[in-house]
């Protein structure tokens, strides 16, 4: 899991997924071979975990984002 996270996952620097006309569907697939030989393909899973920290509304939560918690 750590290797997948470090090699494939990232945060969209330009802002939230809703801004700059970026959508989860615009993220290209990345194939990955697991140590046991199984293959998986990551798409929105590459950015969603980090984006949720900055925009919890993406999964329907009404919490403050990470930045809001730091400033308070």
N, C-alpha and C. Protein backbone atom coordinates (compact mmCIF):
# COMPACT_ATOMS: atom_id res chain seq x y z
N UNK A 1 0.82 -1.18 0.00
CA UNK A 1 0.00 0.00 0.00
C UNK A 1 0.87 1.26 0.00
N UNK A 2 1.94 1.23 0.78
CA UNK A 2 2.82 2.39 0.85
C UNK A 2 3.44 2.68 -0.52
N UNK A 3 3.85 1.64 -1.23
CA UNK A 3 4.46 1.84 -2.55
C UNK A 3 3.45 2.43 -3.54
N UNK A 4 2.22 1.95 -3.50
CA UNK A 4 1.18 2.51 -4.38
C UNK A 4 0.98 3.99 -4.07
N UNK A 5 0.87 4.30 -2.78
CA UNK A 5 0.65 5.68 -2.37
C UNK A 5 1.79 6.58 -2.82
N UNK A 6 3.01 6.12 -2.65
CA UNK A 6 4.17 6.94 -2.97
C UNK A 6 4.43 7.07 -4.46
N UNK A 7 4.00 6.09 -5.26
CA UNK A 7 4.29 6.15 -6.69
C UNK A 7 3.13 6.67 -7.54
N UNK A 8 1.88 6.50 -7.09
CA UNK A 8 0.75 6.86 -7.93
C UNK A 8 -0.12 8.00 -7.40
N UNK A 9 -0.23 8.15 -6.10
CA UNK A 9 -1.17 9.11 -5.54
C UNK A 9 -0.60 10.53 -5.53
N UNK A 10 -1.50 11.50 -5.67
CA UNK A 10 -1.08 12.90 -5.68
C UNK A 10 -2.24 13.80 -5.31
N UNK A 11 -1.94 15.07 -5.07
CA UNK A 11 -2.94 16.09 -4.80
C UNK A 11 -2.96 17.05 -5.96
N UNK A 12 -4.14 17.48 -6.35
CA UNK A 12 -4.25 18.47 -7.43
C UNK A 12 -3.88 19.82 -6.86
N UNK A 13 -2.79 20.39 -7.33
CA UNK A 13 -2.25 21.63 -6.76
C UNK A 13 -3.10 22.84 -7.10
N UNK A 14 -3.73 22.87 -8.25
CA UNK A 14 -4.44 24.06 -8.69
C UNK A 14 -5.74 24.32 -7.93
N UNK A 15 -6.12 23.49 -7.01
CA UNK A 15 -7.32 23.73 -6.23
C UNK A 15 -8.22 22.51 -6.18
N UNK A 16 -9.42 22.74 -5.76
CA UNK A 16 -10.38 21.64 -5.61
C UNK A 16 -10.76 21.05 -6.95
N UNK A 17 -11.28 19.87 -6.92
CA UNK A 17 -11.67 19.19 -8.15
C UNK A 17 -12.74 19.96 -8.90
N UNK A 18 -13.57 20.71 -8.22
CA UNK A 18 -14.64 21.44 -8.88
C UNK A 18 -14.13 22.66 -9.64
N UNK A 19 -12.99 23.20 -9.24
CA UNK A 19 -12.43 24.39 -9.89
C UNK A 19 -11.61 23.99 -11.11
N UNK A 20 -11.39 24.94 -11.99
CA UNK A 20 -10.57 24.73 -13.18
C UNK A 20 -11.11 23.61 -14.07
N UNK A 21 -12.43 23.37 -14.00
CA UNK A 21 -13.09 22.35 -14.83
C UNK A 21 -12.49 20.96 -14.65
N UNK A 22 -11.93 20.67 -13.50
CA UNK A 22 -11.38 19.34 -13.25
C UNK A 22 -12.45 18.48 -12.60
N UNK A 23 -12.56 17.27 -13.06
CA UNK A 23 -13.53 16.33 -12.52
C UNK A 23 -12.83 15.01 -12.24
N UNK A 24 -13.43 14.23 -11.39
CA UNK A 24 -12.87 12.90 -11.13
C UNK A 24 -12.80 12.08 -12.40
N UNK A 25 -13.76 12.29 -13.30
CA UNK A 25 -13.78 11.50 -14.54
C UNK A 25 -12.65 11.88 -15.49
N UNK A 26 -12.01 13.04 -15.27
CA UNK A 26 -10.91 13.47 -16.13
C UNK A 26 -9.58 12.83 -15.78
N UNK A 27 -9.51 12.14 -14.67
CA UNK A 27 -8.25 11.55 -14.21
C UNK A 27 -8.02 10.24 -14.95
N UNK A 28 -6.87 10.13 -15.58
CA UNK A 28 -6.56 8.94 -16.36
C UNK A 28 -6.24 7.73 -15.50
N UNK A 29 -6.48 6.54 -16.02
CA UNK A 29 -6.21 5.32 -15.26
C UNK A 29 -4.72 5.01 -15.18
N UNK A 30 -4.33 4.38 -14.08
CA UNK A 30 -2.95 3.94 -13.88
C UNK A 30 -2.95 2.47 -13.47
N UNK A 31 -2.47 1.59 -14.35
CA UNK A 31 -2.41 0.17 -13.98
C UNK A 31 -1.28 -0.07 -12.98
N UNK A 32 -1.47 -1.04 -12.11
CA UNK A 32 -0.46 -1.37 -11.11
C UNK A 32 -0.51 -2.88 -10.88
N UNK A 33 0.65 -3.50 -10.79
CA UNK A 33 0.74 -4.93 -10.52
C UNK A 33 1.10 -5.14 -9.05
N UNK A 34 0.26 -5.84 -8.35
CA UNK A 34 0.49 -6.14 -6.94
C UNK A 34 1.57 -7.20 -6.78
N UNK A 35 2.19 -7.29 -5.61
CA UNK A 35 3.25 -8.28 -5.39
C UNK A 35 2.83 -9.72 -5.66
N UNK A 36 1.54 -10.04 -5.49
CA UNK A 36 1.07 -11.41 -5.73
C UNK A 36 0.74 -11.66 -7.20
N UNK A 37 0.96 -10.66 -8.06
CA UNK A 37 0.73 -10.82 -9.49
C UNK A 37 -0.61 -10.32 -9.99
N UNK A 38 -1.52 -10.01 -9.07
CA UNK A 38 -2.82 -9.45 -9.48
C UNK A 38 -2.62 -8.03 -10.00
N UNK A 39 -3.51 -7.63 -10.90
CA UNK A 39 -3.44 -6.30 -11.49
C UNK A 39 -4.63 -5.47 -11.03
N UNK A 40 -4.37 -4.22 -10.70
CA UNK A 40 -5.44 -3.28 -10.37
C UNK A 40 -5.24 -2.03 -11.21
N UNK A 41 -6.30 -1.28 -11.38
CA UNK A 41 -6.22 0.00 -12.08
C UNK A 41 -6.77 1.07 -11.17
N UNK A 42 -5.97 2.08 -10.92
CA UNK A 42 -6.39 3.19 -10.08
C UNK A 42 -6.77 4.37 -10.97
N UNK A 43 -7.85 5.03 -10.63
CA UNK A 43 -8.27 6.20 -11.37
C UNK A 43 -8.47 7.33 -10.36
N UNK A 44 -9.71 7.62 -9.97
CA UNK A 44 -9.94 8.70 -9.00
C UNK A 44 -9.37 8.36 -7.63
N UNK A 45 -9.09 7.08 -7.38
CA UNK A 45 -8.49 6.69 -6.10
C UNK A 45 -7.12 7.32 -5.90
N UNK A 46 -6.50 7.78 -6.97
CA UNK A 46 -5.17 8.40 -6.87
C UNK A 46 -5.24 9.76 -6.20
N UNK A 47 -6.34 10.48 -6.34
CA UNK A 47 -6.42 11.84 -5.79
C UNK A 47 -7.46 12.01 -4.70
N UNK A 48 -8.48 11.17 -4.67
CA UNK A 48 -9.59 11.38 -3.75
C UNK A 48 -9.17 11.38 -2.27
N UNK A 49 -8.31 10.48 -1.80
CA UNK A 49 -7.96 10.52 -0.37
C UNK A 49 -7.35 11.84 0.08
N UNK A 50 -6.49 12.43 -0.71
CA UNK A 50 -5.89 13.71 -0.30
C UNK A 50 -6.84 14.87 -0.54
N UNK A 51 -7.65 14.81 -1.58
CA UNK A 51 -8.59 15.89 -1.85
C UNK A 51 -9.65 16.00 -0.76
N UNK A 52 -10.02 14.89 -0.14
CA UNK A 52 -11.03 14.90 0.92
C UNK A 52 -10.54 15.72 2.11
N UNK A 53 -9.24 15.72 2.37
CA UNK A 53 -8.69 16.53 3.46
C UNK A 53 -8.94 18.02 3.24
N UNK A 54 -8.91 18.45 1.99
CA UNK A 54 -9.07 19.86 1.66
C UNK A 54 -10.50 20.22 1.28
N UNK A 55 -11.33 19.21 0.94
CA UNK A 55 -12.71 19.45 0.55
C UNK A 55 -13.58 18.27 0.97
N UNK A 56 -13.95 18.19 2.26
CA UNK A 56 -14.75 17.06 2.75
C UNK A 56 -16.10 16.94 2.05
N UNK A 57 -16.57 17.99 1.43
CA UNK A 57 -17.84 17.96 0.71
C UNK A 57 -17.84 16.98 -0.46
N UNK A 58 -16.67 16.58 -0.94
CA UNK A 58 -16.60 15.63 -2.04
C UNK A 58 -17.26 14.30 -1.70
N UNK A 59 -17.29 13.96 -0.41
CA UNK A 59 -17.93 12.71 0.00
C UNK A 59 -19.16 12.98 0.86
N UNK A 60 -19.67 14.21 0.78
CA UNK A 60 -20.91 14.55 1.46
C UNK A 60 -20.79 14.93 2.92
N UNK A 61 -19.59 15.22 3.39
CA UNK A 61 -19.41 15.63 4.78
C UNK A 61 -19.43 17.14 4.91
N UNK A 62 -19.96 17.64 6.02
CA UNK A 62 -20.03 19.08 6.24
C UNK A 62 -19.05 19.51 7.32
N UNK A 63 -17.85 18.96 7.30
CA UNK A 63 -16.81 19.32 8.25
C UNK A 63 -15.92 20.41 7.68
N UNK A 64 -15.16 21.05 8.55
CA UNK A 64 -14.16 22.00 8.08
C UNK A 64 -13.05 21.25 7.37
N UNK A 65 -12.46 21.89 6.39
CA UNK A 65 -11.33 21.28 5.71
C UNK A 65 -10.10 21.35 6.61
N UNK A 66 -9.03 20.68 6.24
CA UNK A 66 -7.82 20.66 7.03
C UNK A 66 -7.30 22.08 7.28
N UNK A 67 -7.34 22.93 6.26
CA UNK A 67 -6.86 24.31 6.39
C UNK A 67 -7.70 25.07 7.42
N UNK A 68 -9.01 24.86 7.37
CA UNK A 68 -9.89 25.51 8.35
C UNK A 68 -9.60 25.09 9.77
N UNK A 69 -9.22 23.85 9.98
CA UNK A 69 -8.90 23.37 11.32
C UNK A 69 -7.59 23.93 11.83
N UNK A 70 -6.64 24.17 10.93
CA UNK A 70 -5.35 24.72 11.33
C UNK A 70 -5.49 26.18 11.73
N UNK A 71 -6.30 26.93 11.01
CA UNK A 71 -6.45 28.36 11.25
C UNK A 71 -7.22 28.62 12.54
N UNK A 72 -8.16 27.74 12.91
CA UNK A 72 -8.98 27.94 14.12
C UNK A 72 -8.14 27.80 15.31
